[in-house]
Amino acid sequence: MEFVIISGMSGAGKTTALHVLEDIGYYCVDNIPASLLATLYNLCRSSSDESMKRVAVVVDVRGNENYKQMALDIEELKNACSDVKVLFFDAKTDTLIIRYKETRRKHPLAERLKDGSVADAVEFEKALMVPVKRLADYNVDTTYMSNKQLRERVMSMFLEDASQGITLTFMSFGFKHGIPREADVVFDVRCLPNPFYIPELKPLTGLNREVRDYVLGCKETQGFIDHAMALLDYSVPLYLKEGKSELVVGVGCTGGHHRSVTLARTFDEHFRELGYRCVLQHRDVNR
């Protein structure tokens, strides 16, 4: 039995995630009151229908008036059932405001506030959702994600049996665009030789062999990889032992084009060879 509770900020990607899970065979329910979670879980668990054994439900501010109780209901089910996971979606406030303005949709909390502005509604919702976010097994920040990247992230996380263990997400990024908020571990590779200053490599990225060969050919890079890989080899099994479902490893350089992309790929290849389920993302490679 897999029971995934999708929650988070309005406009952060919950609906897209639900559609992805439906596409890969989950029985999906949108906007269910938290008070009905236990009932739905028990019905699915006792059902003889195999299609009811992989379930995804969205629980958010739309179907719940008592927000404190919503978090308590989720926590109670999670504590009682080891096969219940919480997937939380978030994004920066400015990004959520822009998304609502672009779609011209009304925020679900707008009418509950005196002024009803989108900005106030977003901030209000962020405060309300803090207790739920603390319960999350998976935290996904979609601020810089395209719809395609979001679909790939969710599909990689749940396409296989989610009970198989930890999912390792290696995310390259540029420090000038900000550190990924969902990162559990961050490696700063700005200390390594920079292909940006080599004219023929500047327009390329770590996805190109020329850049990859240059970065990995530097003795500084090999020393860095040896130490970073030793840390990851030691700590990843400990995270798994402690029951962590996803570990997001951020690898950052200045712009997120060359060094970070190369090293994120190197980490990803190493752990795939060890049999871990891995997700590779290059957040800023096209910025």
Protein backbone atom coordinates (compact mmCIF):
# COMPACT_ATOMS: atom_id res chain seq x y z
CA MET A 1 0.00 0.00 0.00
CA GLU A 2 1.25 3.46 -0.95
CA PHE A 3 -0.67 6.47 0.29
CA VAL A 4 0.71 9.86 -0.75
CA ILE A 5 -0.72 13.06 0.71
CA ILE A 6 -0.01 16.00 -1.58
CA SER A 7 -0.13 19.39 0.09
CA GLY A 8 1.48 22.81 -0.05
CA MET A 9 0.98 26.25 -1.43
CA SER A 10 -1.73 27.12 -3.93
CA GLY A 11 -0.06 27.62 -7.29
CA ALA A 12 3.05 25.62 -6.37
CA GLY A 13 2.29 22.58 -8.54
CA LYS A 14 0.01 20.24 -6.58
CA THR A 15 -2.41 19.70 -9.47
CA THR A 16 0.41 18.94 -11.90
CA ALA A 17 1.85 16.42 -9.44
CA LEU A 18 -1.54 14.76 -9.03
CA HIS A 19 -1.90 14.41 -12.79
CA VAL A 20 1.57 12.84 -13.04
CA LEU A 21 0.77 10.30 -10.34
CA GLU A 22 -2.52 9.49 -12.04
CA ASP A 23 -0.64 8.92 -15.29
CA ILE A 24 1.65 6.37 -13.66
CA GLY A 25 -1.15 4.39 -12.07
CA TYR A 26 -2.12 6.01 -8.78
CA TYR A 27 -5.75 6.30 -7.73
CA CYS A 28 -6.08 10.06 -7.24
CA VAL A 29 -8.43 12.26 -5.23
CA ASP A 30 -8.28 16.06 -5.33
CA ASN A 31 -9.30 18.39 -2.50
CA ILE A 32 -10.35 15.99 0.21
CA PRO A 33 -11.07 17.22 3.76
CA ALA A 34 -8.35 16.06 6.14
CA SER A 35 -11.01 14.61 8.44
CA LEU A 36 -11.75 11.97 5.77
CA LEU A 37 -8.16 10.87 5.26
CA ALA A 38 -8.29 7.97 7.71
CA THR A 39 -11.59 6.76 6.26
CA LEU A 40 -10.23 6.80 2.72
CA TYR A 41 -7.02 5.11 3.81
CA ASN A 42 -8.89 2.28 5.53
CA LEU A 43 -11.23 1.80 2.57
CA CYS A 44 -8.31 1.55 0.17
CA ARG A 45 -6.34 -0.75 2.44
CA SER A 46 -9.26 -3.18 2.85
CA SER A 47 -10.23 -3.10 -0.82
CA SER A 48 -9.54 -6.15 -2.97
CA ASP A 49 -9.03 -3.88 -5.96
CA GLU A 50 -5.30 -3.67 -6.68
CA SER A 51 -5.76 -0.25 -8.31
CA MET A 52 -6.62 1.11 -4.85
CA LYS A 53 -3.25 0.12 -3.39
CA ARG A 54 -1.41 3.16 -4.79
CA VAL A 55 -3.28 6.28 -3.75
CA ALA A 56 -2.53 10.01 -3.99
CA VAL A 57 -4.73 12.67 -2.41
CA VAL A 58 -4.51 16.45 -2.31
CA VAL A 59 -5.18 18.05 1.07
CA ASP A 60 -4.89 21.82 1.24
CA VAL A 61 -6.64 25.01 2.35
CA ARG A 62 -9.51 24.63 -0.13
CA GLY A 63 -11.29 21.78 1.64
CA ASN A 64 -10.38 22.61 5.21
CA GLU A 65 -11.60 25.49 7.37
CA ASN A 66 -9.83 24.39 10.57
CA TYR A 67 -6.20 24.55 9.47
CA LYS A 68 -4.74 23.48 12.80
CA GLN A 69 -6.93 20.38 12.77
CA MET A 70 -5.91 19.69 9.16
CA ALA A 71 -2.27 19.36 10.23
CA LEU A 72 -3.23 17.25 13.24
CA ASP A 73 -5.29 14.86 11.07
CA ILE A 74 -2.38 14.41 8.66
CA GLU A 75 0.08 13.88 11.52
CA GLU A 76 -2.18 11.33 13.22
CA LEU A 77 -2.54 9.24 10.05
CA LYS A 78 1.17 9.50 9.32
CA ASN A 79 2.11 8.34 12.81
CA ALA A 80 -0.33 5.45 12.67
CA CYS A 81 0.56 4.19 9.18
CA SER A 82 4.15 3.77 7.99
CA ASP A 83 3.08 3.65 4.32
CA VAL A 84 1.73 7.22 4.40
CA LYS A 85 4.02 9.85 2.88
CA VAL A 86 3.56 13.62 2.60
CA LEU A 87 4.67 15.47 -0.54
CA PHE A 88 4.80 19.24 0.01
CA PHE A 89 5.06 21.85 -2.74
CA ASP A 90 6.28 25.37 -2.13
CA ALA A 91 7.59 28.35 -4.07
CA LYS A 92 8.76 31.87 -3.34
CA THR A 93 6.02 34.38 -2.56
CA ASP A 94 6.79 36.57 -5.58
CA THR A 95 6.63 33.56 -7.89
CA LEU A 96 3.25 32.47 -6.55
CA ILE A 97 1.86 36.00 -6.95
CA ILE A 98 3.07 36.15 -10.56
CA ARG A 99 1.53 32.77 -11.33
CA TYR A 100 -1.84 33.88 -10.02
CA LYS A 101 -1.70 37.11 -11.96
CA GLU A 102 -0.78 35.25 -15.16
CA THR A 103 -3.64 32.78 -14.83
CA ARG A 104 -6.08 35.44 -13.52
CA ARG A 105 -7.39 32.91 -11.03
CA LYS A 106 -8.61 33.88 -7.60
CA HIS A 107 -6.57 32.68 -4.65
CA PRO A 108 -8.66 30.28 -2.51
CA LEU A 109 -8.01 32.38 0.61
CA ALA A 110 -8.63 35.79 -0.96
CA GLU A 111 -12.24 36.02 0.18
CA ARG A 112 -11.33 35.08 3.74
CA LEU A 113 -9.18 38.18 4.13
CA LYS A 114 -10.55 41.67 4.50
CA ASP A 115 -8.63 43.18 1.59
CA GLY A 116 -8.52 40.01 -0.48
CA SER A 117 -5.22 40.79 -2.23
CA VAL A 118 -3.23 37.94 -3.74
CA ALA A 119 -0.07 38.95 -1.86
CA ASP A 120 -1.81 38.90 1.52
CA ALA A 121 -3.49 35.60 0.70
CA VAL A 122 -0.17 33.98 -0.22
CA GLU A 123 1.53 35.15 2.96
CA PHE A 124 -1.47 34.04 5.02
CA GLU A 125 -1.39 30.60 3.42
CA LYS A 126 2.37 30.25 4.00
CA ALA A 127 1.83 30.80 7.71
CA LEU A 128 -1.06 28.34 7.80
CA MET A 129 0.88 25.60 6.04
CA VAL A 130 3.99 25.62 8.26
CA PRO A 131 2.73 22.73 10.47
CA VAL A 132 2.00 20.59 7.39
CA LYS A 133 5.37 21.40 5.81
CA ARG A 134 7.10 20.12 8.93
CA LEU A 135 5.45 16.73 8.39
CA ALA A 136 6.65 16.38 4.80
CA ASP A 137 8.75 13.44 3.63
CA TYR A 138 9.36 15.24 0.35
CA ASN A 139 9.75 19.01 0.04
CA VAL A 140 9.77 20.36 -3.51
CA ASP A 141 10.40 24.03 -4.27
CA THR A 142 9.04 24.80 -7.75
CA THR A 143 10.17 28.46 -7.91
CA TYR A 144 12.58 27.86 -10.79
CA MET A 145 10.97 24.73 -12.23
CA SER A 146 9.29 24.55 -15.58
CA ASN A 147 6.20 22.39 -15.86
CA LYS A 148 8.30 19.77 -17.65
CA GLN A 149 10.91 19.74 -14.88
CA LEU A 150 8.19 19.36 -12.25
CA ARG A 151 6.67 16.40 -14.07
CA GLU A 152 10.08 14.76 -14.40
CA ARG A 153 10.83 15.29 -10.72
CA VAL A 154 7.57 13.73 -9.54
CA MET A 155 7.77 10.88 -12.02
CA SER A 156 11.30 10.03 -10.95
CA MET A 157 10.28 10.04 -7.30
CA PHE A 158 7.27 7.75 -7.62
CA LEU A 159 7.56 5.78 -10.82
CA GLU A 160 9.08 2.90 -8.87
CA ASP A 161 7.92 1.50 -5.55
CA ALA A 162 8.32 4.37 -3.10
CA SER A 163 9.07 1.88 -0.31
CA GLN A 164 12.39 0.90 -1.92
CA GLY A 165 14.24 3.54 0.05
CA ILE A 166 15.73 6.95 -0.32
CA THR A 167 15.61 9.06 -3.49
CA LEU A 168 18.76 11.07 -4.14
CA THR A 169 18.22 14.31 -6.04
CA PHE A 170 21.36 15.98 -7.36
CA MET A 171 20.61 19.57 -8.35
CA SER A 172 23.10 21.90 -10.00
CA PHE A 173 22.46 25.62 -9.52
CA GLY A 174 24.02 29.06 -9.69
CA PHE A 175 24.63 30.94 -6.46
CA LYS A 176 23.72 34.21 -8.19
CA HIS A 177 20.20 32.83 -8.61
CA GLY A 178 19.93 31.70 -4.99
CA ILE A 179 20.47 28.46 -3.09
CA PRO A 180 17.68 25.87 -3.61
CA ARG A 181 15.52 26.05 -0.53
CA GLU A 182 14.79 22.31 -0.59
CA ALA A 183 18.48 21.36 -0.53
CA ASP A 184 19.53 19.21 2.45
CA VAL A 185 23.23 19.31 1.57
CA VAL A 186 24.99 22.01 -0.47
CA PHE A 187 28.42 21.77 -2.09
CA ASP A 188 30.00 25.06 -3.16
CA VAL A 189 32.24 24.32 -6.16
CA ARG A 190 33.17 27.93 -6.89
CA CYS A 191 36.65 27.08 -5.58
CA LEU A 192 37.35 24.97 -8.67
CA PRO A 193 38.89 26.21 -11.96
CA ASN A 194 36.21 28.00 -13.98
CA PRO A 195 35.65 27.17 -17.69
CA PHE A 196 33.81 30.50 -18.00
CA TYR A 197 37.15 32.24 -18.53
CA ILE A 198 38.14 30.01 -21.43
CA PRO A 199 36.65 31.57 -24.61
CA GLU A 200 35.85 28.31 -26.39
CA LEU A 201 34.19 26.83 -23.27
CA LYS A 202 32.29 29.89 -22.06
CA PRO A 203 29.20 29.39 -24.30
CA LEU A 204 29.01 25.67 -23.45
CA THR A 205 27.76 23.94 -20.30
CA GLY A 206 28.62 20.93 -18.18
CA LEU A 207 26.37 18.92 -20.48
CA ASN A 208 29.05 19.26 -23.17
CA ARG A 209 31.96 16.83 -23.20
CA GLU A 210 34.53 19.60 -23.65
CA VAL A 211 33.49 21.31 -20.42
CA ARG A 212 33.19 18.02 -18.55
CA ASP A 213 36.67 16.92 -19.64
CA TYR A 214 38.16 20.26 -18.61
CA VAL A 215 36.54 20.36 -15.17
CA LEU A 216 37.25 16.72 -14.34
CA GLY A 217 40.80 17.03 -15.70
CA CYS A 218 41.80 19.54 -13.03
CA LYS A 219 43.62 18.11 -10.01
CA GLU A 220 41.64 20.46 -7.75
CA THR A 221 38.41 18.91 -9.00
CA GLN A 222 39.60 15.36 -8.37
CA GLY A 223 40.60 16.25 -4.82
CA PHE A 224 37.23 17.92 -4.22
CA ILE A 225 35.33 14.92 -5.62
CA ASP A 226 37.29 12.49 -3.45
CA HIS A 227 36.39 14.38 -0.27
CA ALA A 228 32.77 15.14 -1.26
CA MET A 229 32.12 11.56 -2.37
CA ALA A 230 33.57 10.22 0.88
CA LEU A 231 31.14 12.41 2.82
CA LEU A 232 28.17 11.31 0.70
CA ASP A 233 29.15 7.64 0.77
CA TYR A 234 29.24 7.83 4.56
CA SER A 235 26.16 9.98 5.17
CA VAL A 236 23.62 8.67 2.62
CA PRO A 237 23.23 5.26 4.34
CA LEU A 238 22.77 7.11 7.64
CA TYR A 239 19.98 9.24 6.16
CA LEU A 240 18.38 6.06 4.82
CA LYS A 241 18.71 4.38 8.23
CA GLU A 242 16.96 7.34 9.86
CA GLY A 243 14.02 6.95 7.48
CA LYS A 244 14.60 9.96 5.22
CA SER A 245 12.71 9.46 1.96
CA GLU A 246 14.50 12.03 -0.18
CA LEU A 247 17.90 13.70 0.09
CA VAL A 248 18.41 16.77 -2.09
CA VAL A 249 22.08 17.52 -2.76
CA GLY A 250 22.69 20.97 -4.20
CA VAL A 251 25.87 21.60 -6.19
CA GLY A 252 26.46 25.28 -6.85
CA CYS A 253 28.86 27.36 -8.88
CA THR A 254 28.53 31.01 -9.87
CA GLY A 255 26.07 30.75 -12.74
CA GLY A 256 25.01 27.10 -12.66
CA HIS A 257 26.35 26.33 -16.14
CA HIS A 258 29.73 24.61 -15.97
CA ARG A 259 31.29 23.28 -12.75
CA SER A 260 28.08 22.57 -10.84
CA VAL A 261 26.52 20.71 -13.77
CA THR A 262 29.63 18.57 -14.21
CA LEU A 263 29.89 17.59 -10.55
CA ALA A 264 26.15 16.97 -10.14
CA ARG A 265 26.40 14.54 -13.06
CA THR A 266 29.41 12.87 -11.46
CA PHE A 267 27.60 12.37 -8.13
CA ASP A 268 24.50 11.09 -9.94
CA GLU A 269 26.49 8.53 -11.97
CA HIS A 270 28.30 7.28 -8.86
CA PHE A 271 25.14 6.62 -6.85
CA ARG A 272 23.25 5.13 -9.78
CA GLU A 273 26.05 2.59 -10.09
CA LEU A 274 25.57 1.77 -6.40
CA GLY A 275 21.90 1.01 -7.08
CA TYR A 276 20.28 4.10 -5.59
CA ARG A 277 17.25 5.74 -7.15
CA CYS A 278 18.51 9.11 -8.39
CA VAL A 279 17.08 12.28 -9.92
CA LEU A 280 19.35 14.70 -11.78
CA GLN A 281 18.29 18.32 -12.23
CA HIS A 282 20.12 21.32 -13.67
CA ARG A 283 18.12 24.24 -12.32
CA ASP A 284 19.92 27.14 -13.95
CA VAL A 285 21.71 25.62 -16.94
CA ASN A 286 19.44 27.49 -19.40
CA ARG A 287 19.22 30.78 -17.52
